[in-house]
Amino acid sequence: MSKTNKSKVVTGKAEANSTVTVKKGSKVLGSAKASSKGSFSVKIKAQKAGSKLTISAKDKAGNVSSGASVTVKDVIPPAKPTVNRVTNKSKVVTGKAEANSTVTVKNRNKVLGSAKASSKGTFSVKIKAQKAGTKLTITAKDKAGNVSVKVEKKVVKY
């Protein structure tokens, strides 16, 4: 049972006709009745990555199963970074990206440098000065490994 931060339904198997409840801590996110074959589908709001959900089933006699837990996985890539002007004299590429993401600057497929964005999302990646007209691509990668859409930035003459 794997859940992501895009999931809006929790599915699985439980005792036939039992009531399945999904909780985050003590807060009930949703519940539904399992089918006569035991399959269930509980609608919930999308949860933040890292949230721990507990799924339990209660039969007609009132017995509650020990809860199964699942941690919500991050599958949403960061927004594309915003990049400040880069000139042929620039030795750093600066801008904003998802907080704590790793920002990478490339010239075609060659990595020129990468650095971690701050907790506020600002970044500064050291590079060697590039010729005017060079197209750089900049991406942000979060700790779950999701990579943003790339930003192209043309090096301008200073």
Protein backbone atom coordinates (compact mmCIF):
# COMPACT_ATOMS: atom_id res chain seq x y z
CA MET A 1 0.00 0.00 0.00
CA SER A 2 1.95 3.01 -1.23
CA LYS A 3 0.61 6.54 -0.95
CA THR A 4 1.97 9.69 -2.50
CA ASN A 5 1.34 13.37 -1.91
CA LYS A 6 -0.96 13.25 -4.97
CA SER A 7 -3.06 10.32 -3.68
CA LYS A 8 -6.70 11.06 -2.88
CA VAL A 9 -7.75 7.45 -2.28
CA VAL A 10 -6.41 4.72 0.01
CA THR A 11 -7.11 1.22 -1.29
CA GLY A 12 -6.39 -2.26 0.01
CA LYS A 13 -7.79 -5.44 1.54
CA ALA A 14 -9.42 -5.93 4.94
CA GLU A 15 -11.91 -8.27 6.57
CA ALA A 16 -15.04 -8.59 4.40
CA ASN A 17 -17.75 -6.03 5.25
CA SER A 18 -15.59 -4.34 7.91
CA THR A 19 -15.41 -0.57 8.28
CA VAL A 20 -11.98 0.75 7.28
CA THR A 21 -10.75 4.01 8.78
CA VAL A 22 -7.76 6.11 7.69
CA LYS A 23 -6.23 8.42 10.30
CA LYS A 24 -3.35 10.87 10.53
CA GLY A 25 -2.50 10.87 14.22
CA SER A 26 -5.87 10.94 15.98
CA LYS A 27 -7.61 12.80 13.14
CA VAL A 28 -9.92 10.67 10.97
CA LEU A 29 -9.32 11.45 7.28
CA GLY A 30 -11.98 9.09 5.96
CA SER A 31 -13.69 5.73 6.28
CA ALA A 32 -15.53 3.28 4.05
CA LYS A 33 -17.03 -0.20 4.18
CA ALA A 34 -14.98 -3.07 2.73
CA SER A 35 -16.74 -5.17 0.09
CA SER A 36 -17.89 -8.75 0.65
CA LYS A 37 -14.51 -9.76 -0.81
CA GLY A 38 -12.63 -7.42 1.55
CA SER A 39 -11.44 -4.77 -0.89
CA PHE A 40 -11.79 -1.15 0.19
CA SER A 41 -11.36 2.34 -1.19
CA VAL A 42 -11.31 5.30 1.22
CA LYS A 43 -11.37 8.85 -0.20
CA ILE A 44 -9.06 11.33 1.56
CA LYS A 45 -7.59 14.75 0.82
CA ALA A 46 -4.03 14.68 -0.58
CA GLN A 47 -1.56 14.65 2.31
CA LYS A 48 1.88 16.24 2.71
CA ALA A 49 4.93 14.12 1.94
CA GLY A 50 6.25 12.48 5.10
CA SER A 51 2.81 12.26 6.76
CA LYS A 52 2.19 8.94 8.50
CA LEU A 53 -1.26 7.43 7.91
CA THR A 54 -2.76 4.59 9.94
CA ILE A 55 -5.35 2.28 8.39
CA SER A 56 -7.51 0.05 10.61
CA ALA A 57 -10.58 -2.13 10.16
CA LYS A 58 -13.48 -2.69 12.57
CA ASP A 59 -15.65 -5.78 12.15
CA LYS A 60 -19.39 -6.15 12.97
CA ALA A 61 -18.53 -7.44 16.47
CA GLY A 62 -16.61 -4.21 17.18
CA ASN A 63 -13.12 -5.72 17.05
CA VAL A 64 -10.55 -3.24 15.69
CA SER A 65 -7.49 -4.49 13.84
CA SER A 66 -4.02 -3.28 14.75
CA GLY A 67 -3.43 -0.45 12.32
CA ALA A 68 -1.27 -0.75 9.24
CA SER A 69 0.75 2.39 8.65
CA VAL A 70 2.06 3.99 5.53
CA THR A 71 4.24 7.07 5.02
CA VAL A 72 3.19 9.46 2.26
CA LYS A 73 5.87 9.70 -0.46
CA ASP A 74 6.83 12.91 -2.26
CA VAL A 75 6.24 12.56 -6.02
CA ILE A 76 5.69 16.22 -6.89
CA PRO A 77 8.68 17.90 -8.54
CA PRO A 78 9.78 21.35 -7.42
CA ALA A 79 8.55 24.36 -9.39
CA LYS A 80 11.08 25.50 -11.96
CA PRO A 81 13.69 27.81 -10.45
CA THR A 82 13.74 31.53 -11.17
CA VAL A 83 17.18 32.59 -12.32
CA ASN A 84 18.75 36.04 -12.21
CA ARG A 85 20.68 37.54 -15.13
CA VAL A 86 23.91 35.75 -16.08
CA THR A 87 26.66 37.65 -17.94
CA ASN A 88 29.90 36.52 -19.58
CA LYS A 89 31.67 37.74 -16.41
CA SER A 90 29.39 35.94 -13.92
CA LYS A 91 31.06 33.37 -11.70
CA VAL A 92 27.84 32.51 -9.85
CA VAL A 93 24.29 31.77 -10.97
CA THR A 94 21.73 33.02 -8.45
CA GLY A 95 17.99 32.88 -8.00
CA LYS A 96 15.18 31.14 -6.13
CA ALA A 97 14.12 27.48 -6.05
CA GLU A 98 12.29 25.10 -3.71
CA ALA A 99 13.72 25.42 -0.19
CA ASN A 100 16.56 22.95 0.47
CA SER A 101 16.52 21.61 -3.10
CA THR A 102 19.75 21.01 -5.02
CA VAL A 103 20.14 23.40 -7.94
CA THR A 104 22.27 22.27 -10.89
CA VAL A 105 23.59 24.45 -13.71
CA LYS A 106 24.56 22.80 -17.01
CA ASN A 107 25.96 23.82 -20.38
CA ARG A 108 24.37 21.18 -22.64
CA ASN A 109 25.06 17.94 -20.74
CA LYS A 110 28.10 19.22 -18.84
CA VAL A 111 27.47 20.08 -15.19
CA LEU A 112 29.07 23.45 -14.41
CA GLY A 113 28.09 23.42 -10.74
CA SER A 114 25.43 22.67 -8.17
CA ALA A 115 24.51 23.92 -4.72
CA LYS A 116 21.78 23.50 -2.12
CA ALA A 117 19.12 26.21 -1.93
CA SER A 118 18.67 27.78 1.49
CA SER A 119 15.67 27.17 3.75
CA LYS A 120 14.19 30.30 2.14
CA GLY A 121 14.90 28.98 -1.38
CA THR A 122 17.71 31.31 -2.44
CA PHE A 123 20.61 29.70 -4.25
CA SER A 124 24.07 30.63 -5.50
CA VAL A 125 25.87 28.15 -7.76
CA LYS A 126 29.56 28.78 -8.52
CA ILE A 127 30.50 28.37 -12.18
CA LYS A 128 33.37 29.37 -14.49
CA ALA A 129 32.56 32.43 -16.59
CA GLN A 130 30.79 31.40 -19.84
CA LYS A 131 30.87 32.99 -23.30
CA ALA A 132 28.05 35.39 -24.23
CA GLY A 133 25.34 33.49 -26.12
CA THR A 134 25.88 30.23 -24.19
CA LYS A 135 22.59 28.60 -23.17
CA LEU A 136 22.61 27.33 -19.59
CA THR A 137 19.99 24.97 -18.19
CA ILE A 138 19.09 25.12 -14.52
CA THR A 139 17.07 22.54 -12.57
CA ALA A 140 16.08 21.97 -8.93
CA LYS A 141 15.96 18.48 -7.39
CA ASP A 142 14.16 17.83 -4.08
CA LYS A 143 15.31 15.35 -1.43
CA ALA A 144 12.90 12.73 -2.80
CA GLY A 145 14.72 12.91 -6.15
CA ASN A 146 12.00 14.75 -8.11
CA VAL A 147 13.49 17.13 -10.70
CA SER A 148 11.88 20.40 -11.83
CA VAL A 149 11.26 21.47 -15.39
CA LYS A 150 14.52 22.98 -16.68
CA VAL A 151 14.97 26.72 -17.08
CA GLU A 152 17.07 27.97 -20.01
CA LYS A 153 19.12 31.10 -19.41
CA LYS A 154 21.19 32.73 -22.13
CA VAL A 155 24.51 34.26 -21.03
CA VAL A 156 24.54 37.94 -22.01
CA LYS A 157 27.52 40.19 -22.73
CA TYR A 158 28.47 42.37 -19.77
